[in-house]
């Protein structure tokens, strides 16, 4: 898991995890308890394909980025959970 960093001016917390390729932004929710945050999670996956012919080598690098939104409840115990919102009809 990545190390969180805080932006004290507006209560935003940013978590980055290089191993998983994710960046999670937590923003305090208006009119919610202090332990509930709106989250925006961005992940990226990169693939590289190499195609060789007699006269050339073609390297194709593809990066797929996905973003999910939801909310996170954080507790004083060492637990938290994310609820991800899924577009209608995608399950």
N, C-alpha and C. Protein backbone atom coordinates (compact mmCIF):
# COMPACT_ATOMS: atom_id res chain seq x y z
N UNK A 1 0.84 -1.18 0.00
CA UNK A 1 0.00 0.00 0.00
C UNK A 1 0.88 1.24 0.00
N UNK A 2 0.39 2.31 -0.59
CA UNK A 2 1.19 3.52 -0.72
C UNK A 2 1.14 4.37 0.52
N UNK A 3 2.03 5.32 0.59
CA UNK A 3 2.07 6.26 1.70
C UNK A 3 1.11 7.40 1.45
N UNK A 4 0.23 7.70 2.40
CA UNK A 4 -0.66 8.85 2.21
C UNK A 4 0.08 10.16 2.43
N UNK A 5 -0.33 11.18 1.72
CA UNK A 5 0.17 12.52 1.96
C UNK A 5 -1.04 13.43 2.09
N UNK A 6 -0.91 14.45 2.91
CA UNK A 6 -2.06 15.31 3.17
C UNK A 6 -1.83 16.71 2.61
N UNK A 7 -2.90 17.31 2.15
CA UNK A 7 -2.90 18.70 1.72
C UNK A 7 -3.76 19.43 2.75
N UNK A 8 -3.11 20.06 3.74
CA UNK A 8 -3.83 20.62 4.88
C UNK A 8 -4.79 21.74 4.54
N UNK A 9 -4.63 22.40 3.41
CA UNK A 9 -5.46 23.57 3.11
C UNK A 9 -6.94 23.21 2.95
N UNK A 10 -7.24 22.05 2.38
CA UNK A 10 -8.65 21.68 2.20
C UNK A 10 -8.97 20.28 2.70
N UNK A 11 -8.07 19.66 3.45
CA UNK A 11 -8.33 18.34 4.01
C UNK A 11 -8.20 17.19 3.04
N UNK A 12 -7.66 17.43 1.85
CA UNK A 12 -7.51 16.39 0.84
C UNK A 12 -6.32 15.50 1.20
N UNK A 13 -6.51 14.19 1.07
CA UNK A 13 -5.45 13.22 1.31
C UNK A 13 -5.21 12.47 0.00
N UNK A 14 -3.94 12.30 -0.37
CA UNK A 14 -3.58 11.60 -1.59
C UNK A 14 -2.78 10.35 -1.22
N UNK A 15 -3.23 9.18 -1.70
CA UNK A 15 -2.52 7.93 -1.48
C UNK A 15 -2.04 7.41 -2.83
N UNK A 16 -0.76 7.10 -2.94
CA UNK A 16 -0.23 6.54 -4.17
C UNK A 16 0.40 5.19 -3.87
N UNK A 17 0.15 4.22 -4.73
CA UNK A 17 0.70 2.88 -4.58
C UNK A 17 1.38 2.49 -5.89
N UNK A 18 2.71 2.64 -5.96
CA UNK A 18 3.42 2.31 -7.20
C UNK A 18 3.28 0.84 -7.60
N UNK A 19 3.22 -0.06 -6.61
CA UNK A 19 3.11 -1.49 -6.91
C UNK A 19 1.82 -1.81 -7.66
N UNK A 20 0.72 -1.19 -7.24
CA UNK A 20 -0.57 -1.43 -7.89
C UNK A 20 -0.85 -0.44 -9.02
N UNK A 21 -0.06 0.62 -9.10
CA UNK A 21 -0.28 1.63 -10.13
C UNK A 21 -1.52 2.46 -9.87
N UNK A 22 -1.85 2.69 -8.58
CA UNK A 22 -3.07 3.45 -8.26
C UNK A 22 -2.74 4.74 -7.53
N UNK A 23 -3.62 5.71 -7.72
CA UNK A 23 -3.58 6.97 -6.99
C UNK A 23 -5.00 7.21 -6.50
N UNK A 24 -5.15 7.38 -5.18
CA UNK A 24 -6.46 7.59 -4.57
C UNK A 24 -6.48 8.96 -3.92
N UNK A 25 -7.50 9.75 -4.26
CA UNK A 25 -7.68 11.09 -3.68
C UNK A 25 -8.89 11.04 -2.77
N UNK A 26 -8.69 11.38 -1.50
CA UNK A 26 -9.77 11.41 -0.52
C UNK A 26 -10.10 12.85 -0.19
N UNK A 27 -11.38 13.22 -0.34
CA UNK A 27 -11.84 14.57 -0.01
C UNK A 27 -12.92 14.46 1.06
N UNK A 28 -12.86 15.29 2.10
CA UNK A 28 -13.92 15.26 3.11
C UNK A 28 -15.28 15.55 2.47
N UNK A 29 -16.30 14.83 2.92
CA UNK A 29 -17.66 15.04 2.41
C UNK A 29 -18.36 16.09 3.26
N UNK A 30 -18.99 17.02 2.60
CA UNK A 30 -19.77 18.03 3.30
C UNK A 30 -20.95 17.35 3.98
N UNK A 31 -21.27 17.75 5.19
CA UNK A 31 -22.41 17.22 5.96
C UNK A 31 -22.29 15.73 6.28
N UNK A 32 -21.07 15.21 6.34
CA UNK A 32 -20.84 13.81 6.70
C UNK A 32 -19.93 13.77 7.92
N UNK A 33 -19.92 12.66 8.64
CA UNK A 33 -18.97 12.56 9.76
C UNK A 33 -17.53 12.73 9.27
N UNK A 34 -16.64 13.09 10.20
CA UNK A 34 -15.25 13.37 9.84
C UNK A 34 -14.51 12.16 9.27
N UNK A 35 -15.03 10.96 9.47
CA UNK A 35 -14.34 9.75 9.00
C UNK A 35 -14.83 9.28 7.63
N UNK A 36 -15.67 10.07 6.95
CA UNK A 36 -16.21 9.68 5.64
C UNK A 36 -15.63 10.60 4.58
N UNK A 37 -15.07 9.99 3.53
CA UNK A 37 -14.42 10.74 2.47
C UNK A 37 -14.97 10.33 1.11
N UNK A 38 -15.08 11.30 0.20
CA UNK A 38 -15.33 11.00 -1.21
C UNK A 38 -13.99 10.53 -1.77
N UNK A 39 -13.99 9.44 -2.56
CA UNK A 39 -12.74 8.98 -3.14
C UNK A 39 -12.82 8.97 -4.66
N UNK A 40 -11.69 9.28 -5.27
CA UNK A 40 -11.51 9.13 -6.71
C UNK A 40 -10.24 8.29 -6.86
N UNK A 41 -10.40 7.09 -7.39
CA UNK A 41 -9.27 6.17 -7.53
C UNK A 41 -8.92 6.02 -9.01
N UNK A 42 -7.68 6.32 -9.34
CA UNK A 42 -7.20 6.20 -10.71
C UNK A 42 -6.14 5.11 -10.75
N UNK A 43 -6.29 4.20 -11.69
CA UNK A 43 -5.27 3.16 -11.85
C UNK A 43 -4.85 3.10 -13.31
N UNK A 44 -3.62 2.68 -13.51
CA UNK A 44 -3.12 2.55 -14.87
C UNK A 44 -2.43 1.20 -15.04
N UNK A 45 -2.59 0.65 -16.22
CA UNK A 45 -1.96 -0.63 -16.56
C UNK A 45 -1.27 -0.45 -17.91
N UNK A 46 -0.03 -0.88 -17.98
CA UNK A 46 0.75 -0.68 -19.18
C UNK A 46 1.15 -2.04 -19.76
N UNK A 47 1.02 -2.18 -21.07
CA UNK A 47 1.47 -3.39 -21.76
C UNK A 47 2.40 -2.99 -22.90
N UNK A 48 3.36 -3.83 -23.17
CA UNK A 48 4.31 -3.59 -24.25
C UNK A 48 4.30 -4.82 -25.15
N UNK A 49 4.14 -4.59 -26.46
CA UNK A 49 4.16 -5.67 -27.45
C UNK A 49 5.30 -5.42 -28.42
N UNK A 50 6.06 -6.47 -28.70
CA UNK A 50 7.18 -6.36 -29.63
C UNK A 50 6.89 -7.26 -30.83
N UNK A 51 6.95 -6.68 -32.01
CA UNK A 51 6.71 -7.45 -33.24
C UNK A 51 7.94 -7.30 -34.13
N UNK A 52 8.56 -8.44 -34.42
CA UNK A 52 9.79 -8.42 -35.23
C UNK A 52 9.49 -8.95 -36.63
N UNK A 53 10.03 -8.26 -37.60
CA UNK A 53 10.00 -8.74 -38.98
C UNK A 53 11.44 -8.83 -39.46
N UNK A 54 11.63 -9.26 -40.68
CA UNK A 54 12.99 -9.39 -41.19
C UNK A 54 13.72 -8.05 -41.30
N UNK A 55 12.95 -6.96 -41.45
CA UNK A 55 13.60 -5.66 -41.66
C UNK A 55 13.40 -4.66 -40.52
N UNK A 56 12.53 -4.99 -39.56
CA UNK A 56 12.28 -4.00 -38.50
C UNK A 56 11.74 -4.65 -37.24
N UNK A 57 11.78 -3.88 -36.18
CA UNK A 57 11.18 -4.26 -34.91
C UNK A 57 10.22 -3.15 -34.51
N UNK A 58 8.95 -3.51 -34.27
CA UNK A 58 7.93 -2.53 -33.88
C UNK A 58 7.58 -2.79 -32.42
N UNK A 59 7.73 -1.75 -31.60
CA UNK A 59 7.38 -1.84 -30.19
C UNK A 59 6.16 -0.97 -29.96
N UNK A 60 5.08 -1.59 -29.45
CA UNK A 60 3.84 -0.87 -29.18
C UNK A 60 3.61 -0.86 -27.67
N UNK A 61 3.50 0.32 -27.11
CA UNK A 61 3.27 0.49 -25.68
C UNK A 61 1.86 1.04 -25.50
N UNK A 62 1.04 0.32 -24.72
CA UNK A 62 -0.35 0.73 -24.48
C UNK A 62 -0.55 0.96 -22.99
N UNK A 63 -1.12 2.10 -22.64
CA UNK A 63 -1.45 2.40 -21.25
C UNK A 63 -2.96 2.57 -21.14
N UNK A 64 -3.57 1.80 -20.24
CA UNK A 64 -5.02 1.89 -20.00
C UNK A 64 -5.21 2.50 -18.62
N UNK A 65 -5.94 3.62 -18.57
CA UNK A 65 -6.22 4.28 -17.30
C UNK A 65 -7.70 4.17 -16.99
N UNK A 66 -8.02 3.83 -15.75
CA UNK A 66 -9.42 3.76 -15.32
C UNK A 66 -9.59 4.61 -14.06
N UNK A 67 -10.77 5.17 -13.92
CA UNK A 67 -11.09 5.99 -12.74
C UNK A 67 -12.40 5.51 -12.16
N UNK A 68 -12.41 5.29 -10.85
CA UNK A 68 -13.64 4.94 -10.15
C UNK A 68 -13.87 5.96 -9.05
N UNK A 69 -15.14 6.16 -8.71
CA UNK A 69 -15.51 7.09 -7.65
C UNK A 69 -16.34 6.35 -6.62
N UNK A 70 -16.33 6.86 -5.42
CA UNK A 70 -17.11 6.25 -4.34
C UNK A 70 -16.85 6.99 -3.05
N UNK A 71 -16.91 6.27 -1.93
CA UNK A 71 -16.61 6.88 -0.65
C UNK A 71 -15.90 5.88 0.23
N UNK A 72 -15.18 6.39 1.23
CA UNK A 72 -14.42 5.56 2.16
C UNK A 72 -14.77 5.96 3.58
N UNK A 73 -15.02 4.96 4.40
CA UNK A 73 -15.20 5.16 5.83
C UNK A 73 -13.90 4.75 6.51
N UNK A 74 -13.32 5.64 7.31
CA UNK A 74 -12.07 5.37 8.01
C UNK A 74 -12.36 5.37 9.50
N UNK A 75 -11.89 4.35 10.20
CA UNK A 75 -12.15 4.21 11.62
C UNK A 75 -10.86 4.35 12.42
N UNK A 76 -10.99 4.57 13.74
CA UNK A 76 -9.79 4.68 14.57
C UNK A 76 -9.11 3.33 14.74
N UNK A 77 -9.83 2.25 14.54
CA UNK A 77 -9.21 0.93 14.50
C UNK A 77 -8.44 0.81 13.19
N UNK A 78 -7.56 -0.16 13.06
CA UNK A 78 -6.80 -0.25 11.80
C UNK A 78 -7.61 -0.88 10.66
N UNK A 79 -8.82 -0.35 10.44
CA UNK A 79 -9.65 -0.83 9.33
C UNK A 79 -10.24 0.36 8.58
N UNK A 80 -10.51 0.15 7.33
CA UNK A 80 -11.27 1.10 6.52
C UNK A 80 -11.82 0.30 5.36
N UNK A 81 -12.83 0.83 4.70
CA UNK A 81 -13.34 0.15 3.52
C UNK A 81 -13.77 1.17 2.49
N UNK A 82 -13.68 0.75 1.22
CA UNK A 82 -14.08 1.60 0.09
C UNK A 82 -15.38 1.07 -0.47
N UNK A 83 -16.27 1.96 -0.90
CA UNK A 83 -17.47 1.63 -1.63
C UNK A 83 -17.31 2.28 -2.98
N UNK A 84 -17.19 1.46 -4.04
CA UNK A 84 -17.00 1.98 -5.40
C UNK A 84 -18.32 2.08 -6.12
N UNK A 85 -18.55 3.19 -6.77
CA UNK A 85 -19.74 3.38 -7.57
C UNK A 85 -19.50 2.77 -8.94
N UNK A 86 -20.49 2.02 -9.47
CA UNK A 86 -20.36 1.35 -10.75
C UNK A 86 -21.44 1.89 -11.68
N UNK A 87 -21.07 2.26 -12.92
CA UNK A 87 -22.09 2.74 -13.86
C UNK A 87 -23.20 1.72 -14.07
N UNK A 88 -24.42 2.19 -14.22
CA UNK A 88 -25.58 1.32 -14.38
C UNK A 88 -25.39 0.36 -15.55
N UNK A 89 -25.68 -0.92 -15.33
CA UNK A 89 -25.62 -1.91 -16.39
C UNK A 89 -24.26 -2.52 -16.65
N UNK A 90 -23.27 -2.26 -15.76
CA UNK A 90 -21.93 -2.81 -16.01
C UNK A 90 -21.62 -4.04 -15.19
N UNK A 91 -22.51 -4.47 -14.32
CA UNK A 91 -22.24 -5.68 -13.53
C UNK A 91 -22.71 -6.92 -14.24
